[in-house]
Amino acid sequence: MLNLPPELTHVQANACLEQLTKGIASEGAVVALNAEPLQKFDSSALAVLLQFQRQCLAAGKTVAVQGLPRQLLALATLYGIEGLLHSA
């Protein structure tokens, strides 16, 4: 299982995505992503999640997000992309 960091804003977005991308190969057909540690975030977190999902799909894998914070889901709903985030 891969984990999101406690903080994911525009400052951490590139480094976080790079770290997550490195973990794709070590995961099975379904990449479990734990979002429970995530406490401080902005819309960049959504961009990271969507790009990570695209990278997993390109590798023939799917993503199952666990513990997505309610506030982040609300932000996704505001942007109309909640259906693109796959929760486990």
N, C-alpha and C. Protein backbone atom coordinates (compact mmCIF):
# COMPACT_ATOMS: atom_id res chain seq x y z
N MET A 1 0.85 -1.18 0.00
CA MET A 1 0.00 0.00 0.00
C MET A 1 0.89 1.24 0.00
N LEU A 2 0.52 2.18 -0.83
CA LEU A 2 1.22 3.46 -0.89
C LEU A 2 0.47 4.44 0.00
N ASN A 3 1.19 5.42 0.54
CA ASN A 3 0.59 6.39 1.46
C ASN A 3 0.79 7.81 0.97
N LEU A 4 -0.25 8.62 1.12
CA LEU A 4 -0.11 10.05 0.88
C LEU A 4 0.55 10.67 2.11
N PRO A 5 1.25 11.77 1.93
CA PRO A 5 1.89 12.44 3.07
C PRO A 5 0.86 13.21 3.90
N PRO A 6 1.24 13.66 5.10
CA PRO A 6 0.33 14.46 5.92
C PRO A 6 -0.04 15.80 5.27
N GLU A 7 0.87 16.34 4.46
CA GLU A 7 0.63 17.62 3.80
C GLU A 7 0.86 17.47 2.30
N LEU A 8 -0.11 17.93 1.52
CA LEU A 8 0.00 17.85 0.06
C LEU A 8 -0.61 19.10 -0.55
N THR A 9 0.23 20.10 -0.73
CA THR A 9 -0.16 21.35 -1.38
C THR A 9 0.69 21.50 -2.63
N HIS A 10 0.55 22.63 -3.30
CA HIS A 10 1.34 22.85 -4.52
C HIS A 10 2.85 22.73 -4.25
N VAL A 11 3.26 23.02 -3.03
CA VAL A 11 4.68 22.94 -2.67
C VAL A 11 5.20 21.50 -2.74
N GLN A 12 4.39 20.54 -2.30
CA GLN A 12 4.80 19.14 -2.24
C GLN A 12 4.33 18.31 -3.43
N ALA A 13 3.51 18.86 -4.30
CA ALA A 13 2.83 18.08 -5.33
C ALA A 13 3.79 17.29 -6.24
N ASN A 14 4.78 17.94 -6.80
CA ASN A 14 5.68 17.24 -7.72
C ASN A 14 6.45 16.13 -7.03
N ALA A 15 6.98 16.41 -5.85
CA ALA A 15 7.75 15.39 -5.12
C ALA A 15 6.86 14.22 -4.72
N CYS A 16 5.64 14.52 -4.32
CA CYS A 16 4.70 13.46 -3.93
C CYS A 16 4.36 12.58 -5.12
N LEU A 17 4.05 13.19 -6.25
CA LEU A 17 3.71 12.42 -7.44
C LEU A 17 4.89 11.56 -7.88
N GLU A 18 6.08 12.10 -7.80
CA GLU A 18 7.28 11.33 -8.17
C GLU A 18 7.43 10.11 -7.26
N GLN A 19 7.24 10.32 -5.96
CA GLN A 19 7.35 9.21 -5.00
C GLN A 19 6.28 8.15 -5.25
N LEU A 20 5.05 8.58 -5.47
CA LEU A 20 3.97 7.63 -5.74
C LEU A 20 4.23 6.86 -7.03
N THR A 21 4.71 7.56 -8.05
CA THR A 21 4.98 6.92 -9.33
C THR A 21 6.01 5.80 -9.19
N LYS A 22 7.02 6.03 -8.37
CA LYS A 22 8.04 5.01 -8.13
C LYS A 22 7.45 3.75 -7.51
N GLY A 23 6.35 3.91 -6.76
CA GLY A 23 5.75 2.77 -6.08
C GLY A 23 4.81 1.94 -6.93
N ILE A 24 4.44 2.41 -8.10
CA ILE A 24 3.47 1.69 -8.94
C ILE A 24 3.96 0.29 -9.28
N ALA A 25 5.21 0.17 -9.66
CA ALA A 25 5.74 -1.13 -10.11
C ALA A 25 5.69 -2.19 -9.01
N SER A 26 5.80 -1.77 -7.76
CA SER A 26 5.83 -2.74 -6.66
C SER A 26 4.44 -3.17 -6.21
N GLU A 27 3.40 -2.58 -6.78
CA GLU A 27 2.03 -2.90 -6.40
C GLU A 27 1.43 -3.90 -7.38
N GLY A 28 0.35 -4.55 -6.95
CA GLY A 28 -0.35 -5.51 -7.80
C GLY A 28 -1.24 -4.83 -8.82
N ALA A 29 -2.22 -5.57 -9.32
CA ALA A 29 -3.13 -5.06 -10.34
C ALA A 29 -3.97 -3.90 -9.82
N VAL A 30 -4.25 -3.92 -8.52
CA VAL A 30 -4.96 -2.82 -7.88
C VAL A 30 -3.99 -2.13 -6.93
N VAL A 31 -3.72 -0.87 -7.20
CA VAL A 31 -2.80 -0.10 -6.37
C VAL A 31 -3.59 0.54 -5.24
N ALA A 32 -3.34 0.09 -4.02
CA ALA A 32 -4.02 0.65 -2.85
C ALA A 32 -3.28 1.92 -2.42
N LEU A 33 -4.03 2.99 -2.29
CA LEU A 33 -3.47 4.28 -1.90
C LEU A 33 -4.16 4.74 -0.62
N ASN A 34 -3.39 4.85 0.45
CA ASN A 34 -3.91 5.26 1.75
C ASN A 34 -3.85 6.78 1.86
N ALA A 35 -5.01 7.41 1.96
CA ALA A 35 -5.08 8.86 2.08
C ALA A 35 -5.31 9.31 3.53
N GLU A 36 -5.38 8.36 4.46
CA GLU A 36 -5.65 8.72 5.86
C GLU A 36 -4.63 9.68 6.47
N PRO A 37 -3.34 9.57 6.14
CA PRO A 37 -2.39 10.52 6.74
C PRO A 37 -2.61 11.97 6.30
N LEU A 38 -3.30 12.17 5.19
CA LEU A 38 -3.46 13.50 4.60
C LEU A 38 -4.31 14.40 5.50
N GLN A 39 -3.71 15.50 5.96
CA GLN A 39 -4.42 16.43 6.83
C GLN A 39 -4.47 17.85 6.28
N LYS A 40 -3.40 18.27 5.62
CA LYS A 40 -3.35 19.61 5.06
C LYS A 40 -3.16 19.48 3.55
N PHE A 41 -4.07 20.09 2.79
CA PHE A 41 -4.01 19.94 1.33
C PHE A 41 -4.70 21.11 0.66
N ASP A 42 -4.47 21.22 -0.63
CA ASP A 42 -5.20 22.16 -1.47
C ASP A 42 -5.60 21.42 -2.74
N SER A 43 -6.04 22.13 -3.73
CA SER A 43 -6.51 21.47 -4.95
C SER A 43 -5.40 20.72 -5.68
N SER A 44 -4.17 21.01 -5.35
CA SER A 44 -3.05 20.27 -5.94
C SER A 44 -3.12 18.79 -5.59
N ALA A 45 -3.68 18.47 -4.44
CA ALA A 45 -3.83 17.06 -4.05
C ALA A 45 -4.72 16.33 -5.05
N LEU A 46 -5.75 17.00 -5.53
CA LEU A 46 -6.62 16.38 -6.54
C LEU A 46 -5.86 16.16 -7.84
N ALA A 47 -5.05 17.13 -8.21
CA ALA A 47 -4.26 16.98 -9.44
C ALA A 47 -3.30 15.80 -9.32
N VAL A 48 -2.68 15.65 -8.15
CA VAL A 48 -1.77 14.52 -7.93
C VAL A 48 -2.53 13.21 -8.02
N LEU A 49 -3.69 13.13 -7.38
CA LEU A 49 -4.48 11.90 -7.41
C LEU A 49 -4.91 11.53 -8.83
N LEU A 50 -5.34 12.51 -9.59
CA LEU A 50 -5.78 12.23 -10.96
C LEU A 50 -4.62 11.82 -11.86
N GLN A 51 -3.49 12.49 -11.73
CA GLN A 51 -2.33 12.12 -12.54
C GLN A 51 -1.81 10.75 -12.13
N PHE A 52 -1.81 10.46 -10.84
CA PHE A 52 -1.38 9.14 -10.37
C PHE A 52 -2.29 8.06 -10.93
N GLN A 53 -3.57 8.34 -10.94
CA GLN A 53 -4.53 7.39 -11.50
C GLN A 53 -4.26 7.15 -12.98
N ARG A 54 -3.97 8.21 -13.73
CA ARG A 54 -3.65 8.07 -15.15
C ARG A 54 -2.39 7.22 -15.35
N GLN A 55 -1.40 7.43 -14.50
CA GLN A 55 -0.16 6.66 -14.61
C GLN A 55 -0.40 5.18 -14.30
N CYS A 56 -1.23 4.92 -13.31
CA CYS A 56 -1.57 3.53 -12.99
C CYS A 56 -2.31 2.87 -14.15
N LEU A 57 -3.26 3.58 -14.72
CA LEU A 57 -4.01 3.04 -15.86
C LEU A 57 -3.08 2.76 -17.04
N ALA A 58 -2.11 3.63 -17.26
CA ALA A 58 -1.14 3.42 -18.34
C ALA A 58 -0.29 2.17 -18.09
N ALA A 59 -0.13 1.82 -16.81
CA ALA A 59 0.63 0.62 -16.45
C ALA A 59 -0.26 -0.61 -16.36
N GLY A 60 -1.55 -0.45 -16.73
CA GLY A 60 -2.48 -1.57 -16.70
C GLY A 60 -3.02 -1.88 -15.31
N LYS A 61 -2.99 -0.89 -14.44
CA LYS A 61 -3.44 -1.09 -13.06
C LYS A 61 -4.56 -0.11 -12.72
N THR A 62 -5.29 -0.41 -11.67
CA THR A 62 -6.32 0.50 -11.17
C THR A 62 -5.91 0.97 -9.78
N VAL A 63 -6.57 2.02 -9.32
CA VAL A 63 -6.26 2.61 -8.02
C VAL A 63 -7.48 2.48 -7.11
N ALA A 64 -7.23 2.12 -5.87
CA ALA A 64 -8.27 2.10 -4.84
C ALA A 64 -7.79 3.01 -3.71
N VAL A 65 -8.45 4.16 -3.57
CA VAL A 65 -8.08 5.13 -2.54
C VAL A 65 -8.83 4.81 -1.26
N GLN A 66 -8.09 4.74 -0.17
CA GLN A 66 -8.69 4.46 1.14
C GLN A 66 -8.50 5.68 2.04
N GLY A 67 -9.52 5.99 2.81
CA GLY A 67 -9.41 7.05 3.81
C GLY A 67 -9.34 8.45 3.25
N LEU A 68 -10.01 8.69 2.15
CA LEU A 68 -10.01 10.03 1.55
C LEU A 68 -10.69 11.01 2.50
N PRO A 69 -10.01 12.09 2.89
CA PRO A 69 -10.63 13.06 3.79
C PRO A 69 -11.91 13.65 3.20
N ARG A 70 -12.89 13.85 4.05
CA ARG A 70 -14.18 14.41 3.59
C ARG A 70 -14.02 15.74 2.90
N GLN A 71 -13.12 16.57 3.43
CA GLN A 71 -12.92 17.90 2.85
C GLN A 71 -12.35 17.80 1.43
N LEU A 72 -11.51 16.81 1.20
CA LEU A 72 -10.96 16.63 -0.15
C LEU A 72 -12.03 16.10 -1.10
N LEU A 73 -12.86 15.22 -0.61
CA LEU A 73 -13.97 14.73 -1.42
C LEU A 73 -14.94 15.87 -1.74
N ALA A 74 -15.17 16.75 -0.76
CA ALA A 74 -16.03 17.91 -0.99
C ALA A 74 -15.43 18.83 -2.06
N LEU A 75 -14.11 18.99 -2.03
CA LEU A 75 -13.44 19.80 -3.03
C LEU A 75 -13.57 19.16 -4.42
N ALA A 76 -13.43 17.85 -4.47
CA ALA A 76 -13.60 17.12 -5.74
C ALA A 76 -15.02 17.29 -6.25
N THR A 77 -16.00 17.26 -5.36
CA THR A 77 -17.40 17.44 -5.73
C THR A 77 -17.62 18.85 -6.28
N LEU A 78 -17.01 19.83 -5.64
CA LEU A 78 -17.12 21.21 -6.09
C LEU A 78 -16.59 21.36 -7.52
N TYR A 79 -15.51 20.66 -7.82
CA TYR A 79 -14.92 20.72 -9.16
C TYR A 79 -15.60 19.76 -10.14
N GLY A 80 -16.52 18.94 -9.65
CA GLY A 80 -17.24 18.01 -10.51
C GLY A 80 -16.43 16.79 -10.93
N ILE A 81 -15.44 16.42 -10.12
CA ILE A 81 -14.59 15.28 -10.49
C ILE A 81 -14.64 14.15 -9.46
N GLU A 82 -15.60 14.19 -8.57
CA GLU A 82 -15.67 13.15 -7.52
C GLU A 82 -15.80 11.75 -8.10
N GLY A 83 -16.45 11.64 -9.25
CA GLY A 83 -16.62 10.33 -9.88
C GLY A 83 -15.32 9.76 -10.44
N LEU A 84 -14.31 10.60 -10.56
CA LEU A 84 -13.02 10.14 -11.08
C LEU A 84 -12.13 9.55 -9.99
N LEU A 85 -12.49 9.80 -8.73
CA LEU A 85 -11.70 9.27 -7.62
C LEU A 85 -12.32 7.96 -7.17
N HIS A 86 -11.55 6.91 -7.24
CA HIS A 86 -12.06 5.58 -6.90
C HIS A 86 -11.69 5.23 -5.47
N SER A 87 -12.70 5.15 -4.61
CA SER A 87 -12.47 4.80 -3.21
C SER A 87 -12.66 3.32 -3.00
N ALA A 88 -11.88 2.79 -2.09
CA ALA A 88 -12.00 1.36 -1.76
C ALA A 88 -13.03 1.16 -0.68
